[in-house]
Amino acid sequence: MLTTELKDRADQLGFIDVMENNPVDLKKEITRLKEEKNAVFLAHYYQDAEIQDLADFVGDSLALAQKAADTDADIILFAGVHFMAETAKIINPQKKVILPDFKAGCSLAEAAPPKEFSEFVKAHPDYTVVTYINSSAEVKAYTDITVTSTNALKIINSLPADEKIIFAPDRNLGKYIMKETGRDMLLWDGACVVHEAFALEKILDLHKEYPHAKIIAHPESEMPLLKVAAFVGSTAALLKFVQEDDADAYIVATEAGILHKMREAVPHKNLIPAPSKEDNTCACSECHFMKMNTLEKVYNCLKYEYPEVDVDEDIRLKAIGSIERMFELS
């Protein structure tokens, strides 16, 4: 969880207007600073295109966690949201982990306050706690196995059929897993505001306009949308699907940032962003938190090596087991 003090420090040091006060070639300087400081630049698929293009590695939560575990860099610059940088720090306590905007949070992580979650877990002592990676370090500390949307089905299927499971914090992903595996899980009531923002009625109207387009969706979306989707999968799985599938058009129901890599991979295909419920100015659903990172903030972050993400050692030691268990099972 972000403290007021840390947010204030981020305001003071993290948002320097380099374009007005010290004009620089941002891309050139970021590249130079990466080499000078032996830093690796990781970016999520939901970042703006200019950030993705400059990053050393672009991926989804699982791939980024694996990359963080494998890096020999001294500094991990993470263009994503806070829980992702925390995960990198949990895996790499000896490395400096920096995040361009310390306020880049996550609605799912915020949906599971650590104190309430710990009380919930203690009230169900005979349950195995499986937590989506979109959660805070404190919540991971109360978790037996961390999962991502890429490996959740495989990991749940690997557990004994009679094992009692708490799944948190995403109820939509949990319902999808229950449907696919036939397992009965106790779900925490959280959701991703981005994936709940898709308007099914608008999507079906759009499908009438493009009847040959396949609807593809992320499992964080609500069940009515998942039921009409031709394919449901993680961000990386959606990208792979449009590359390997033989259709020539897709209605893409996930955060719009993925469209950049999709268009690079299949420039000959028609990729249509799924419309959101309320925003009529944008034909897509975007994560406000992901878009808080900018090239200016990346430059300042790398130059000043701030804001830095840290995790209390006691919490880290409790959380690392759940992540290592994920790596073992996936």
Protein backbone atom coordinates (compact mmCIF):
# COMPACT_ATOMS: atom_id res chain seq x y z
CA MET A 1 0.00 0.00 0.00
CA LEU A 2 1.26 3.53 -0.77
CA THR A 3 1.71 5.87 2.19
CA THR A 4 0.94 9.59 2.06
CA GLU A 5 4.63 10.29 2.67
CA LEU A 6 5.70 8.24 -0.32
CA LYS A 7 3.08 9.87 -2.53
CA ASP A 8 4.31 13.30 -1.45
CA ARG A 9 7.90 12.37 -2.19
CA ALA A 10 6.85 11.12 -5.60
CA ASP A 11 5.23 14.48 -6.26
CA GLN A 12 8.35 16.33 -5.15
CA LEU A 13 10.95 14.28 -7.03
CA GLY A 14 9.14 12.14 -9.56
CA PHE A 15 7.43 14.69 -11.78
CA ILE A 16 10.12 17.05 -13.04
CA ASP A 17 9.15 18.80 -16.28
CA VAL A 18 12.24 17.94 -18.32
CA MET A 19 10.80 19.31 -21.53
CA GLU A 20 10.56 22.87 -20.16
CA ASN A 21 13.40 22.97 -17.64
CA ASN A 22 16.02 20.84 -19.36
CA PRO A 23 15.19 19.93 -22.96
CA VAL A 24 16.72 16.58 -23.89
CA ASP A 25 16.35 13.84 -26.46
CA LEU A 26 14.43 11.53 -24.15
CA LYS A 27 14.87 8.32 -26.13
CA LYS A 28 18.59 8.89 -26.62
CA GLU A 29 19.15 9.80 -22.97
CA ILE A 30 17.14 6.86 -21.64
CA THR A 31 19.19 4.50 -23.79
CA ARG A 32 22.43 6.12 -22.60
CA LEU A 33 21.42 6.00 -18.94
CA LYS A 34 20.40 2.33 -19.20
CA GLU A 35 23.88 1.41 -20.41
CA GLU A 36 25.64 3.72 -17.96
CA LYS A 37 23.74 2.39 -14.94
CA ASN A 38 23.47 -1.27 -16.07
CA ALA A 39 19.69 -1.01 -15.92
CA VAL A 40 17.11 -3.27 -17.56
CA PHE A 41 13.94 -1.59 -18.80
CA LEU A 42 10.81 -3.78 -18.45
CA ALA A 43 7.43 -2.66 -19.77
CA HIS A 44 3.94 -4.15 -19.69
CA TYR A 45 1.87 -4.54 -22.84
CA TYR A 46 -0.52 -1.88 -21.52
CA GLN A 47 2.06 0.90 -21.65
CA ASP A 48 1.98 3.57 -24.36
CA ALA A 49 3.58 2.54 -27.63
CA GLU A 50 6.62 4.83 -27.26
CA ILE A 51 7.48 3.18 -23.94
CA GLN A 52 7.03 -0.32 -25.34
CA ASP A 53 9.29 0.51 -28.27
CA LEU A 54 12.09 1.72 -26.00
CA ALA A 55 11.91 -1.10 -23.43
CA ASP A 56 14.38 -3.98 -23.36
CA PHE A 57 11.54 -6.41 -22.81
CA VAL A 58 7.75 -6.14 -23.16
CA GLY A 59 5.46 -8.77 -21.71
CA ASP A 60 2.56 -9.72 -19.47
CA SER A 61 2.74 -10.22 -15.70
CA LEU A 62 4.17 -13.76 -15.82
CA ALA A 63 6.80 -13.01 -18.46
CA LEU A 64 7.86 -9.83 -16.68
CA ALA A 65 8.18 -11.66 -13.35
CA GLN A 66 10.29 -14.33 -15.03
CA LYS A 67 12.46 -11.70 -16.71
CA ALA A 68 12.96 -9.91 -13.41
CA ALA A 69 14.07 -13.20 -11.87
CA ASP A 70 16.63 -13.79 -14.63
CA THR A 71 18.20 -10.35 -14.99
CA ASP A 72 21.79 -9.55 -14.03
CA ALA A 73 21.19 -5.80 -14.18
CA ASP A 74 21.88 -3.62 -11.16
CA ILE A 75 18.70 -1.60 -11.65
CA ILE A 76 15.25 -2.77 -12.76
CA LEU A 77 13.25 0.05 -14.33
CA PHE A 78 9.67 -1.17 -14.37
CA ALA A 79 7.17 0.62 -16.60
CA GLY A 80 3.99 -0.87 -15.25
CA VAL A 81 2.08 -0.54 -12.00
CA HIS A 82 3.15 -0.74 -8.38
CA PHE A 83 2.43 -4.41 -7.68
CA MET A 84 4.60 -5.41 -10.66
CA ALA A 85 7.58 -3.44 -9.36
CA GLU A 86 6.95 -4.90 -5.89
CA THR A 87 7.04 -8.40 -7.36
CA ALA A 88 10.37 -7.63 -9.03
CA LYS A 89 11.73 -6.40 -5.68
CA ILE A 90 10.47 -9.49 -3.87
CA ILE A 91 12.37 -11.64 -6.37
CA ASN A 92 15.45 -9.37 -6.42
CA PRO A 93 15.99 -7.89 -2.93
CA GLN A 94 19.58 -6.99 -3.74
CA LYS A 95 18.68 -4.94 -6.83
CA LYS A 96 17.31 -1.43 -7.02
CA VAL A 97 13.78 -1.41 -8.47
CA ILE A 98 12.40 1.88 -9.72
CA LEU A 99 8.95 2.85 -11.02
CA PRO A 100 8.36 5.95 -13.19
CA ASP A 101 5.23 6.96 -11.28
CA PHE A 102 4.82 5.77 -7.71
CA LYS A 103 1.09 6.47 -7.87
CA ALA A 104 0.57 3.94 -10.67
CA GLY A 105 -1.58 1.53 -8.71
CA CYS A 106 -4.11 -1.18 -9.58
CA SER A 107 -7.82 -1.46 -8.82
CA LEU A 108 -7.43 -5.17 -8.14
CA ALA A 109 -4.57 -4.70 -5.70
CA GLU A 110 -6.50 -1.95 -3.94
CA ALA A 111 -9.56 -4.21 -3.75
CA ALA A 112 -7.79 -6.46 -1.24
CA PRO A 113 -6.63 -4.39 1.77
CA PRO A 114 -3.98 -6.46 3.61
CA LYS A 115 -5.59 -6.24 7.07
CA GLU A 116 -9.01 -7.35 5.82
CA PHE A 117 -7.47 -10.05 3.67
CA SER A 118 -5.38 -11.45 6.54
CA GLU A 119 -8.50 -11.66 8.72
CA PHE A 120 -10.35 -13.45 5.92
CA VAL A 121 -7.52 -15.97 5.53
CA LYS A 122 -7.32 -16.57 9.28
CA ALA A 123 -11.06 -17.24 9.32
CA HIS A 124 -10.53 -20.09 6.81
CA PRO A 125 -7.45 -21.93 8.14
CA ASP A 126 -8.09 -25.12 6.17
CA TYR A 127 -8.04 -23.36 2.77
CA THR A 128 -5.17 -23.04 0.33
CA VAL A 129 -4.81 -19.38 -0.59
CA VAL A 130 -4.31 -18.76 -4.32
CA THR A 131 -3.84 -15.11 -5.22
CA TYR A 132 -3.69 -13.39 -8.57
CA ILE A 133 -0.40 -11.57 -9.09
CA ASN A 134 -2.37 -8.29 -9.24
CA SER A 135 -2.04 -7.89 -5.48
CA SER A 136 0.16 -6.12 -2.97
CA ALA A 137 3.26 -7.62 -1.37
CA GLU A 138 1.39 -7.75 1.95
CA VAL A 139 -1.40 -9.85 0.40
CA LYS A 140 1.15 -12.14 -1.23
CA ALA A 141 2.59 -12.66 2.25
CA TYR A 142 -0.70 -14.34 3.24
CA THR A 143 -0.74 -16.40 0.03
CA ASP A 144 0.26 -20.01 -0.63
CA ILE A 145 0.45 -19.75 -4.43
CA THR A 146 0.57 -16.70 -6.66
CA VAL A 147 -0.88 -17.10 -10.17
CA THR A 148 -1.23 -15.06 -13.34
CA SER A 149 -3.93 -15.21 -16.00
CA THR A 150 -1.44 -17.22 -18.09
CA ASN A 151 -0.94 -20.05 -15.61
CA ALA A 152 -3.98 -19.91 -13.29
CA LEU A 153 -5.89 -22.75 -14.96
CA LYS A 154 -2.86 -25.03 -14.99
CA ILE A 155 -2.04 -24.35 -11.36
CA ILE A 156 -5.59 -24.80 -10.08
CA ASN A 157 -5.87 -28.05 -12.05
CA SER A 158 -2.63 -29.26 -10.44
CA LEU A 159 -4.13 -29.08 -6.94
CA PRO A 160 -5.94 -32.11 -5.44
CA ALA A 161 -9.62 -32.22 -6.33
CA ASP A 162 -10.71 -32.09 -2.68
CA GLU A 163 -8.46 -29.16 -1.74
CA LYS A 164 -10.33 -26.12 -0.45
CA ILE A 165 -9.25 -22.96 -2.24
CA ILE A 166 -9.53 -19.25 -1.58
CA PHE A 167 -9.06 -17.29 -4.79
CA ALA A 168 -8.35 -13.56 -4.65
CA PRO A 169 -8.73 -10.77 -5.51
CA ASP A 170 -10.44 -11.00 -8.94
CA ARG A 171 -13.91 -12.53 -8.79
CA ASN A 172 -14.25 -12.52 -12.60
CA LEU A 173 -11.05 -14.48 -13.15
CA GLY A 174 -12.11 -16.74 -10.29
CA LYS A 175 -15.51 -17.42 -11.87
CA TYR A 176 -13.84 -18.18 -15.20
CA ILE A 177 -11.44 -20.64 -13.53
CA MET A 178 -14.33 -22.32 -11.72
CA LYS A 179 -16.21 -22.68 -15.02
CA GLU A 180 -13.21 -24.12 -16.84
CA THR A 181 -11.98 -26.45 -14.10
CA GLY A 182 -15.21 -27.41 -12.36
CA ARG A 183 -13.63 -26.44 -9.05
CA ASP A 184 -15.58 -24.75 -6.27
CA MET A 185 -13.53 -21.87 -4.87
CA LEU A 186 -14.18 -19.24 -2.24
CA LEU A 187 -13.83 -15.93 -4.10
CA TRP A 188 -12.68 -12.56 -2.82
CA ASP A 189 -14.91 -9.81 -4.19
CA GLY A 190 -12.54 -7.68 -6.29
CA ALA A 191 -12.48 -6.69 -9.95
CA CYS A 192 -10.44 -4.88 -12.58
CA VAL A 193 -12.12 -1.60 -13.48
CA VAL A 194 -10.69 -1.76 -16.99
CA HIS A 195 -12.00 -5.22 -17.85
CA GLU A 196 -15.36 -4.60 -16.19
CA ALA A 197 -15.79 -1.49 -18.33
CA PHE A 198 -16.51 -3.34 -21.56
CA ALA A 199 -20.03 -2.90 -22.87
CA LEU A 200 -21.43 -6.24 -24.04
CA GLU A 201 -24.33 -4.65 -25.94
CA LYS A 202 -21.97 -2.31 -27.80
CA ILE A 203 -19.63 -5.22 -28.56
CA LEU A 204 -22.50 -7.28 -30.00
CA ASP A 205 -23.59 -4.29 -32.11
CA LEU A 206 -20.01 -3.97 -33.33
CA HIS A 207 -19.98 -7.66 -34.18
CA LYS A 208 -23.04 -7.14 -36.37
CA GLU A 209 -21.05 -4.51 -38.23
CA TYR A 210 -18.07 -6.88 -38.51
CA PRO A 211 -19.71 -10.34 -38.55
CA HIS A 212 -16.51 -12.15 -39.52
CA ALA A 213 -14.50 -10.64 -36.66
CA LYS A 214 -13.80 -12.94 -33.73
CA ILE A 215 -14.40 -11.58 -30.24
CA ILE A 216 -11.39 -12.28 -28.01
CA ALA A 217 -11.32 -11.38 -24.32
CA HIS A 218 -9.22 -11.37 -21.18
CA PRO A 219 -10.54 -13.59 -18.34
CA GLU A 220 -10.73 -10.58 -16.00
CA SER A 221 -13.81 -9.57 -18.00
CA GLU A 222 -17.34 -10.30 -16.85
CA MET A 223 -18.84 -13.71 -17.62
CA PRO A 224 -21.47 -12.58 -20.19
CA LEU A 225 -18.65 -11.25 -22.37
CA LEU A 226 -16.54 -14.37 -21.88
CA LYS A 227 -19.46 -16.54 -22.96
CA VAL A 228 -19.70 -14.84 -26.36
CA ALA A 229 -15.93 -14.70 -26.92
CA ALA A 230 -14.37 -17.00 -29.50
CA PHE A 231 -11.20 -17.09 -27.42
CA VAL A 232 -10.40 -16.20 -23.81
CA GLY A 233 -6.84 -15.82 -22.61
CA SER A 234 -4.14 -13.78 -20.95
CA THR A 235 -2.65 -10.75 -22.67
CA ALA A 236 0.18 -12.84 -24.09
CA ALA A 237 -2.26 -15.57 -25.14
CA LEU A 238 -4.45 -13.05 -26.98
CA LEU A 239 -1.39 -11.78 -28.85
CA LYS A 240 -0.39 -15.32 -29.79
CA PHE A 241 -3.94 -16.18 -30.86
CA VAL A 242 -4.23 -13.39 -33.42
CA GLN A 243 -0.88 -14.44 -34.86
CA GLU A 244 -1.75 -18.13 -35.21
CA ASP A 245 -5.50 -18.00 -35.94
CA ASP A 246 -6.71 -17.86 -39.56
CA ALA A 247 -9.33 -15.11 -39.14
CA ASP A 248 -8.62 -11.68 -40.59
CA ALA A 249 -10.46 -9.54 -38.03
CA TYR A 250 -10.81 -9.47 -34.22
CA ILE A 251 -12.73 -7.45 -31.66
CA VAL A 252 -10.19 -7.18 -28.86
CA ALA A 253 -11.58 -6.97 -25.31
CA THR A 254 -8.60 -6.11 -23.17
CA GLU A 255 -6.65 -2.96 -22.34
CA ALA A 256 -5.94 -1.04 -25.54
CA GLY A 257 -2.17 -0.99 -25.07
CA ILE A 258 -1.90 -4.54 -26.43
CA LEU A 259 -3.07 -3.32 -29.84
CA HIS A 260 0.37 -1.83 -30.49
CA LYS A 261 2.16 -5.20 -30.41
CA MET A 262 -0.74 -6.91 -32.14
CA ARG A 263 -0.59 -4.47 -35.05
CA GLU A 264 3.15 -4.98 -35.32
CA ALA A 265 2.65 -8.76 -35.36
CA VAL A 266 -0.31 -8.88 -37.79
CA PRO A 267 -0.37 -5.63 -39.76
CA HIS A 268 -2.57 -7.25 -42.40
CA LYS A 269 -5.40 -8.04 -39.95
CA ASN A 270 -8.20 -5.78 -38.72
CA LEU A 271 -7.90 -5.29 -34.95
CA ILE A 272 -10.94 -3.55 -33.47
CA PRO A 273 -10.84 -2.33 -29.84
CA ALA A 274 -13.89 -3.41 -27.85
CA PRO A 275 -15.97 -0.39 -26.72
CA SER A 276 -16.39 0.54 -23.08
CA LYS A 277 -19.67 1.18 -21.27
CA GLU A 278 -19.50 4.88 -20.61
CA ASP A 279 -16.69 6.53 -22.54
CA ASN A 280 -17.99 7.63 -25.92
CA THR A 281 -14.84 9.63 -26.72
CA CYS A 282 -12.61 6.55 -26.90
CA ALA A 283 -13.49 3.32 -28.68
CA CYS A 284 -11.59 1.27 -26.12
CA SER A 285 -10.94 0.66 -22.44
CA GLU A 286 -7.68 2.01 -21.04
CA CYS A 287 -6.00 1.62 -17.66
CA HIS A 288 -5.50 5.07 -16.18
CA PHE A 289 -2.80 3.73 -13.87
CA MET A 290 -0.77 2.15 -16.68
CA LYS A 291 -0.94 5.34 -18.69
CA MET A 292 0.46 7.40 -15.80
CA ASN A 293 3.94 6.39 -16.94
CA THR A 294 5.44 8.65 -19.62
CA LEU A 295 8.80 8.96 -21.35
CA GLU A 296 9.51 12.08 -19.27
CA LYS A 297 8.88 10.13 -16.07
CA VAL A 298 10.96 7.20 -17.33
CA TYR A 299 13.86 9.57 -17.99
CA ASN A 300 13.61 11.26 -14.57
CA CYS A 301 13.18 7.91 -12.85
CA LEU A 302 16.33 6.52 -14.43
CA LYS A 303 18.34 9.70 -14.03
CA TYR A 304 17.57 10.15 -10.32
CA GLU A 305 16.96 6.43 -9.60
CA TYR A 306 13.70 7.45 -7.97
CA PRO A 307 10.94 6.65 -7.05
CA GLU A 308 12.42 3.44 -5.64
CA VAL A 309 10.20 0.51 -4.69
CA ASP A 310 11.08 -1.32 -1.51
CA VAL A 311 9.46 -4.18 0.38
CA ASP A 312 9.81 -4.83 4.10
CA GLU A 313 12.09 -7.85 4.52
CA ASP A 314 9.67 -9.71 6.77
CA ILE A 315 6.90 -9.28 4.21
CA ARG A 316 9.24 -10.17 1.35
CA LEU A 317 10.30 -13.43 2.97
CA LYS A 318 6.66 -14.41 3.49
CA ALA A 319 5.68 -13.41 -0.05
CA ILE A 320 8.56 -14.97 -1.98
CA GLY A 321 7.36 -18.51 -1.25
CA SER A 322 4.09 -17.98 -3.11
CA ILE A 323 5.94 -16.66 -6.18
CA GLU A 324 8.50 -19.48 -6.14
CA ARG A 325 5.63 -21.94 -5.89
CA MET A 326 4.10 -20.34 -9.01
CA PHE A 327 7.36 -20.76 -10.92
CA GLU A 328 7.54 -24.41 -9.85
CA LEU A 329 4.00 -25.17 -10.99
CA SER A 330 4.02 -23.15 -14.22
